[in-house]
C-alpha cells in the first residue's frame, strides 16, 4: 500500500504533477499506456492520478469491475423492482395479540414505511422485515450500514441478524429522525445483541460476514424495559431512499486532474472516492 499510480500524459500539468510527487519523496509508479495496467496493481495503490487528455474510460471500466467501492448499494429504492417488493413485508405486534398495522409503500423514487401503531392488547410495535436472504450477505469488507431516510421526528430501530432463525438473536441500533433528510451510519460494532427487546451482553459481536435479514421498526420499547422517548401511539411514516454498506477499507482515492468540467462525461462508479485537483498542490496525499 501507499503506492501512487499516475496515468501520465505529455501535458504540462502531468509533468508538473510528477515532479511535485517526486519532490515529496512519495512512492510513485508511472503508467504511460492504460491498456498495459495489470488489474492486481489496482489493489495495492492508495491513490490513482488521471489526466483528462488520456482515454481514461478503459481505466475506469477496470476500476469498476476490479475494486470494491467505499459504499455499495444494497437496496436502491429509486428503482424498486419486483424482487424488492417480494422480499419485504410487514411484521407487526399482531403476532403477539396487538392491533398495530404497517406496510412498505412505493412512492416516487423511495419507499415509505408507515401505518398505525397502538399499545392496545399489550402491543406497541410495527415493523417491516425482509425474508431471509437465499444466501447470507458477506459484508465483512465494510464498516457498517448507511440509511438515507426522512423521518417524522420519531426514534426507529434498524435490526439485522447473522443467523437464519426467524425469532433468534437479533442485532439492533436505534436512530432518531428530525423531519429532514438524514443519513444514518450504523457501524457493525455498534449493533446491540438483543433477544425479544432484552439485551444479551454475553453474545458475540455481529458477524458481518453472514447477514441474513434486515428490519426497520417503530417500538414503544427501547431495551431491557426502557421506553422509546419519542414514542407516540398513532400514525407514523419513515421514507427510505436507500440502504447501503459503507466504509470499505483500502479503497484508493482517485484524483481527476484539471478543471472538473473536463470530467463530466466519465463513467466511474459514484461510490469510489474521487477528488478534483487543478494544480499539483491541490493533491492531499
Protein backbone atom coordinates (compact mmCIF):
# COMPACT_ATOMS: atom_id res chain seq x y z
CA UNK A 1 0.00 0.00 0.00
CA UNK A 2 0.92 3.73 -0.01
CA UNK A 3 1.69 3.41 -3.70
CA UNK A 4 0.59 6.24 -6.00
CA UNK A 5 -0.34 5.28 -9.55
CA UNK A 6 -0.08 8.14 -12.03
CA UNK A 7 -1.51 7.74 -15.54
CA UNK A 8 0.84 10.19 -17.22
CA UNK A 9 0.46 12.22 -20.40
CA UNK A 10 2.53 14.74 -22.35
CA UNK A 11 0.74 17.72 -20.85
CA UNK A 12 2.46 20.34 -18.73
CA UNK A 13 0.11 19.55 -15.84
CA UNK A 14 1.11 15.89 -15.96
CA UNK A 15 4.83 16.69 -15.93
CA UNK A 16 4.43 19.23 -13.10
CA UNK A 17 2.42 16.73 -11.08
CA UNK A 18 5.06 14.02 -11.44
CA UNK A 19 7.80 16.45 -10.45
CA UNK A 20 5.79 17.54 -7.43
CA UNK A 21 5.27 13.95 -6.26
CA UNK A 22 8.94 13.14 -6.68
CA UNK A 23 9.88 16.22 -4.65
CA UNK A 24 7.65 14.94 -1.87
CA UNK A 25 9.59 11.64 -2.00
CA UNK A 26 6.41 9.63 -2.43
CA UNK A 27 6.28 6.11 -3.80
CA UNK A 28 5.09 6.64 -7.38
CA UNK A 29 4.51 4.21 -10.24
CA UNK A 30 4.03 5.82 -13.65
CA UNK A 31 1.90 4.20 -16.35
CA UNK A 32 2.12 5.51 -19.91
CA UNK A 33 -0.36 3.10 -21.52
CA UNK A 34 -3.63 2.33 -19.76
CA UNK A 35 -4.00 -0.87 -21.77
CA UNK A 36 -0.91 -2.28 -20.04
CA UNK A 37 -2.29 -1.95 -16.49
CA UNK A 38 -2.35 -5.22 -14.58
CA UNK A 39 -5.57 -5.35 -12.50
CA UNK A 40 -3.64 -6.65 -9.49
CA UNK A 41 -1.77 -3.35 -9.14
CA UNK A 42 -5.04 -1.50 -8.51
CA UNK A 43 -5.46 -3.47 -5.29
CA UNK A 44 -2.12 -2.17 -3.97
CA UNK A 45 -2.47 1.58 -4.57
CA UNK A 46 -3.81 4.28 -2.26
CA UNK A 47 -4.12 6.99 -4.92
CA UNK A 48 -4.73 6.97 -8.68
CA UNK A 49 -4.00 10.20 -10.59
CA UNK A 50 -5.57 10.74 -14.02
CA UNK A 51 -5.40 13.47 -16.66
CA UNK A 52 -8.27 14.44 -19.00
CA UNK A 53 -6.36 14.15 -22.26
CA UNK A 54 -5.96 10.38 -21.83
CA UNK A 55 -8.53 7.80 -22.86
CA UNK A 56 -9.41 7.06 -19.24
CA UNK A 57 -12.63 5.11 -19.75
CA UNK A 58 -10.85 1.78 -20.10
CA UNK A 59 -9.17 2.50 -16.74
CA UNK A 60 -12.49 3.41 -15.14
CA UNK A 61 -14.04 0.22 -16.52
CA UNK A 62 -11.20 -1.73 -14.92
CA UNK A 63 -11.71 0.09 -11.60
CA UNK A 64 -15.46 -0.54 -11.71
CA UNK A 65 -15.01 -4.27 -12.25
CA UNK A 66 -11.89 -4.90 -10.12
CA UNK A 67 -12.21 -2.84 -6.96
CA UNK A 68 -14.72 -2.70 -4.14
CA UNK A 69 -16.22 0.80 -3.83
CA UNK A 70 -16.24 2.65 -0.50
CA UNK A 71 -20.04 2.37 -0.49
CA UNK A 72 -22.21 -0.17 -2.28
CA UNK A 73 -25.99 -0.06 -2.66
CA UNK A 74 -27.88 -2.96 -1.11
CA UNK A 75 -31.39 -1.62 -1.68
CA UNK A 76 -31.89 1.22 -4.16
CA UNK A 77 -35.46 2.38 -3.66
CA UNK A 78 -35.13 4.86 -6.53
CA UNK A 79 -35.68 1.85 -8.77
CA UNK A 80 -37.92 -0.55 -6.92
CA UNK A 81 -38.03 -3.98 -8.57
CA UNK A 82 -40.42 -6.90 -8.17
CA UNK A 83 -37.67 -8.67 -6.26
CA UNK A 84 -37.62 -5.88 -3.66
CA UNK A 85 -41.42 -5.87 -3.44
CA UNK A 86 -41.46 -9.62 -2.81
CA UNK A 87 -38.62 -9.53 -0.30
CA UNK A 88 -40.04 -7.00 2.21
CA UNK A 89 -43.19 -7.44 4.29
CA UNK A 90 -44.88 -6.24 7.48
CA UNK A 91 -44.24 -7.90 10.86
CA UNK A 92 -46.38 -6.11 13.45
CA UNK A 93 -47.44 -6.76 17.03
CA UNK A 94 -50.45 -8.75 15.82
CA UNK A 95 -48.10 -11.74 16.09
CA UNK A 96 -48.38 -11.19 19.88
CA UNK A 97 -52.05 -10.21 20.02
CA UNK A 98 -51.65 -6.48 19.30
CA UNK A 99 -53.51 -4.41 16.72
CA UNK A 100 -50.78 -2.25 15.11
CA UNK A 101 -50.58 -2.23 11.32
CA UNK A 102 -47.89 -1.16 8.88
CA UNK A 103 -46.77 -1.53 5.28
CA UNK A 104 -43.98 -0.57 2.89
CA UNK A 105 -45.36 1.54 0.05
CA UNK A 106 -43.60 2.60 -3.14
CA UNK A 107 -43.78 6.35 -3.80
CA UNK A 108 -41.77 8.49 -6.24
CA UNK A 109 -38.23 7.04 -6.05
CA UNK A 110 -38.49 5.98 -2.43
CA UNK A 111 -40.45 3.64 -0.20
CA UNK A 112 -42.44 4.64 2.85
CA UNK A 113 -42.66 2.52 6.00
CA UNK A 114 -45.91 3.79 7.51
CA UNK A 115 -49.00 2.77 9.42
CA UNK A 116 -50.72 2.99 12.81
CA UNK A 117 -49.07 1.78 15.99
CA UNK A 118 -51.18 1.01 19.07
CA UNK A 119 -50.49 -0.10 22.64
CA UNK A 120 -53.82 -1.94 22.85
CA UNK A 121 -53.69 -5.58 23.94
CA UNK A 122 -50.16 -5.08 25.29
CA UNK A 123 -48.90 -4.25 21.81
CA UNK A 124 -46.71 -1.37 20.75
CA UNK A 125 -44.58 -2.09 17.69
CA UNK A 126 -44.79 -2.10 13.92
CA UNK A 127 -42.08 -3.17 11.51
CA UNK A 128 -41.14 -4.22 8.00
CA UNK A 129 -38.67 -7.03 7.50
CA UNK A 130 -37.02 -8.90 4.67
CA UNK A 131 -37.33 -12.59 4.20
CA UNK A 132 -34.08 -14.39 4.99
CA UNK A 133 -31.70 -13.90 2.09
CA UNK A 134 -31.27 -17.03 -0.01
CA UNK A 135 -27.56 -16.82 0.72
CA UNK A 136 -26.40 -14.62 3.62
CA UNK A 137 -24.59 -11.48 2.54
CA UNK A 138 -20.87 -11.19 3.23
CA UNK A 139 -20.30 -7.54 4.19
CA UNK A 140 -17.10 -8.15 6.14
CA UNK A 141 -15.16 -5.74 3.91
CA UNK A 142 -17.34 -2.85 5.12
CA UNK A 143 -17.66 -0.95 8.39
CA UNK A 144 -21.44 -0.67 8.59
CA UNK A 145 -24.85 0.09 7.12
CA UNK A 146 -25.90 3.52 5.78
CA UNK A 147 -29.57 4.51 5.69
CA UNK A 148 -30.78 7.52 3.70
CA UNK A 149 -34.13 8.40 5.24
CA UNK A 150 -36.60 11.18 6.03
CA UNK A 151 -38.47 10.58 9.26
CA UNK A 152 -41.20 12.21 11.32
CA UNK A 153 -39.27 13.07 14.47
CA UNK A 154 -39.61 9.60 15.98
CA UNK A 155 -36.94 7.11 17.04
CA UNK A 156 -36.78 3.94 14.97
CA UNK A 157 -34.74 0.74 15.11
CA UNK A 158 -32.61 -0.93 12.47
CA UNK A 159 -32.42 -4.68 13.10
CA UNK A 160 -30.36 -7.39 11.43
CA UNK A 161 -29.39 -10.99 12.10
CA UNK A 162 -26.40 -13.22 11.49
CA UNK A 163 -28.30 -16.47 11.85
CA UNK A 164 -31.21 -17.90 9.91
CA UNK A 165 -33.64 -18.31 12.85
CA UNK A 166 -36.80 -16.24 12.45
CA UNK A 167 -37.11 -15.49 16.18
CA UNK A 168 -33.50 -15.87 17.24
CA UNK A 169 -30.87 -13.40 18.36
CA UNK A 170 -31.04 -10.04 16.61
CA UNK A 171 -28.70 -7.05 16.46
CA UNK A 172 -30.25 -3.61 16.88
CA UNK A 173 -29.45 0.06 16.54
CA UNK A 174 -31.83 2.91 17.48
CA UNK A 175 -31.76 6.12 15.45
CA UNK A 176 -33.57 9.44 15.66
CA UNK A 177 -35.20 11.40 12.85
CA UNK A 178 -35.96 15.12 12.68
CA UNK A 179 -38.28 15.59 9.73
CA UNK A 180 -35.41 16.33 7.33
CA UNK A 181 -33.30 14.15 5.06
CA UNK A 182 -30.96 12.17 7.30
CA UNK A 183 -28.01 9.90 6.61
CA UNK A 184 -27.75 7.31 9.38
CA UNK A 185 -24.41 5.49 9.59
CA UNK A 186 -24.60 2.32 11.69
CA UNK A 187 -21.27 0.72 12.49
CA UNK A 188 -21.41 -3.04 12.79
CA UNK A 189 -19.52 -2.69 16.08
CA UNK A 190 -22.35 -0.50 17.48
CA UNK A 191 -25.07 -3.11 16.91
CA UNK A 192 -26.55 -4.34 20.20
CA UNK A 193 -27.30 -8.09 20.59
CA UNK A 194 -30.94 -8.43 21.62
CA UNK A 195 -33.48 -11.20 22.16
CA UNK A 196 -37.10 -10.01 22.34
CA UNK A 197 -36.12 -6.48 23.45
CA UNK A 198 -33.73 -7.72 26.13
CA UNK A 199 -30.02 -7.20 25.60
CA UNK A 200 -27.73 -10.23 25.61
CA UNK A 201 -24.35 -8.88 26.81
CA UNK A 202 -22.67 -12.30 26.64
CA UNK A 203 -23.48 -12.72 22.93
CA UNK A 204 -20.79 -12.42 20.29
CA UNK A 205 -20.42 -9.27 18.21
CA UNK A 206 -22.39 -9.10 14.99
CA UNK A 207 -20.80 -11.28 12.29
CA UNK A 208 -20.89 -9.09 9.19
CA UNK A 209 -19.73 -11.98 7.02
CA UNK A 210 -23.21 -13.52 7.22
CA UNK A 211 -26.10 -11.09 7.25
CA UNK A 212 -29.39 -12.98 6.91
CA UNK A 213 -32.03 -10.25 7.01
CA UNK A 214 -32.91 -6.60 7.68
CA UNK A 215 -35.76 -4.98 9.56
CA UNK A 216 -36.98 -1.46 10.38
CA UNK A 217 -39.16 -0.99 13.45
CA UNK A 218 -41.08 1.61 15.43
CA UNK A 219 -41.43 0.34 19.01
CA UNK A 220 -42.74 1.55 22.33
CA UNK A 221 -39.73 -0.07 23.96
CA UNK A 222 -36.02 0.51 23.72
CA UNK A 223 -34.14 -2.28 25.55
CA UNK A 224 -34.44 -4.03 28.91
CA UNK A 225 -37.77 -2.40 29.76
CA UNK A 226 -36.80 1.19 28.91
CA UNK A 227 -39.25 3.19 26.84
CA UNK A 228 -38.65 4.84 23.49
CA UNK A 229 -38.51 8.56 24.49
CA UNK A 230 -40.22 9.75 21.27
CA UNK A 231 -42.89 7.06 21.04
CA UNK A 232 -46.49 8.10 20.49
CA UNK A 233 -49.34 5.81 19.56
CA UNK A 234 -50.93 6.72 16.25
CA UNK A 235 -49.75 7.25 12.71
CA UNK A 236 -46.11 7.29 11.64
CA UNK A 237 -44.08 7.46 8.42
CA UNK A 238 -40.43 6.83 7.59
CA UNK A 239 -39.32 7.49 4.00
CA UNK A 240 -36.36 5.37 2.86
CA UNK A 241 -34.29 6.31 -0.17
CA UNK A 242 -31.62 3.63 0.02
CA UNK A 243 -29.76 1.16 2.22
CA UNK A 244 -26.02 0.73 1.60
CA UNK A 245 -22.95 -0.88 3.06
CA UNK A 246 -20.26 1.74 3.64
CA UNK A 247 -16.67 2.09 4.77
CA UNK A 248 -14.82 -0.48 2.67
CA UNK A 249 -11.14 -0.47 3.55
CA UNK A 250 -8.23 0.07 1.19
CA UNK A 251 -10.29 1.92 -1.43
CA UNK A 252 -7.93 4.09 -3.49
CA UNK A 253 -8.69 7.79 -3.82
CA UNK A 254 -8.97 8.81 -7.46
CA UNK A 255 -7.61 12.25 -8.35
CA UNK A 256 -9.02 13.76 -11.54
CA UNK A 257 -6.58 16.48 -12.57
CA UNK A 258 -7.69 19.64 -14.36
CA UNK A 259 -10.97 21.52 -14.36
CA UNK A 260 -13.97 19.47 -13.09
CA UNK A 261 -15.87 20.38 -16.28
CA UNK A 262 -13.41 18.18 -18.20
CA UNK A 263 -14.67 15.11 -16.31
CA UNK A 264 -18.43 15.49 -16.71
CA UNK A 265 -18.93 12.53 -19.04
CA UNK A 266 -16.93 9.86 -17.23
CA UNK A 267 -18.49 6.55 -16.26
CA UNK A 268 -16.96 5.85 -12.86
CA UNK A 269 -18.90 4.20 -10.03
CA UNK A 270 -20.07 7.13 -7.92
CA UNK A 271 -19.16 5.34 -4.69
CA UNK A 272 -15.42 5.46 -5.39
CA UNK A 273 -13.60 8.25 -3.58
CA UNK A 274 -12.78 10.97 -6.10
CA UNK A 275 -11.17 14.39 -5.82
CA UNK A 276 -10.68 17.11 -8.44
CA UNK A 277 -7.31 18.85 -8.45
CA UNK A 278 -6.43 21.67 -10.84
CA UNK A 279 -2.80 22.08 -9.73
CA UNK A 280 -0.36 19.61 -8.12
CA UNK A 281 -0.51 21.48 -4.80
CA UNK A 282 -4.20 20.51 -4.56
CA UNK A 283 -3.20 16.87 -4.07
CA UNK A 284 -3.93 15.91 -0.48
CA UNK A 285 -1.81 12.79 -0.22
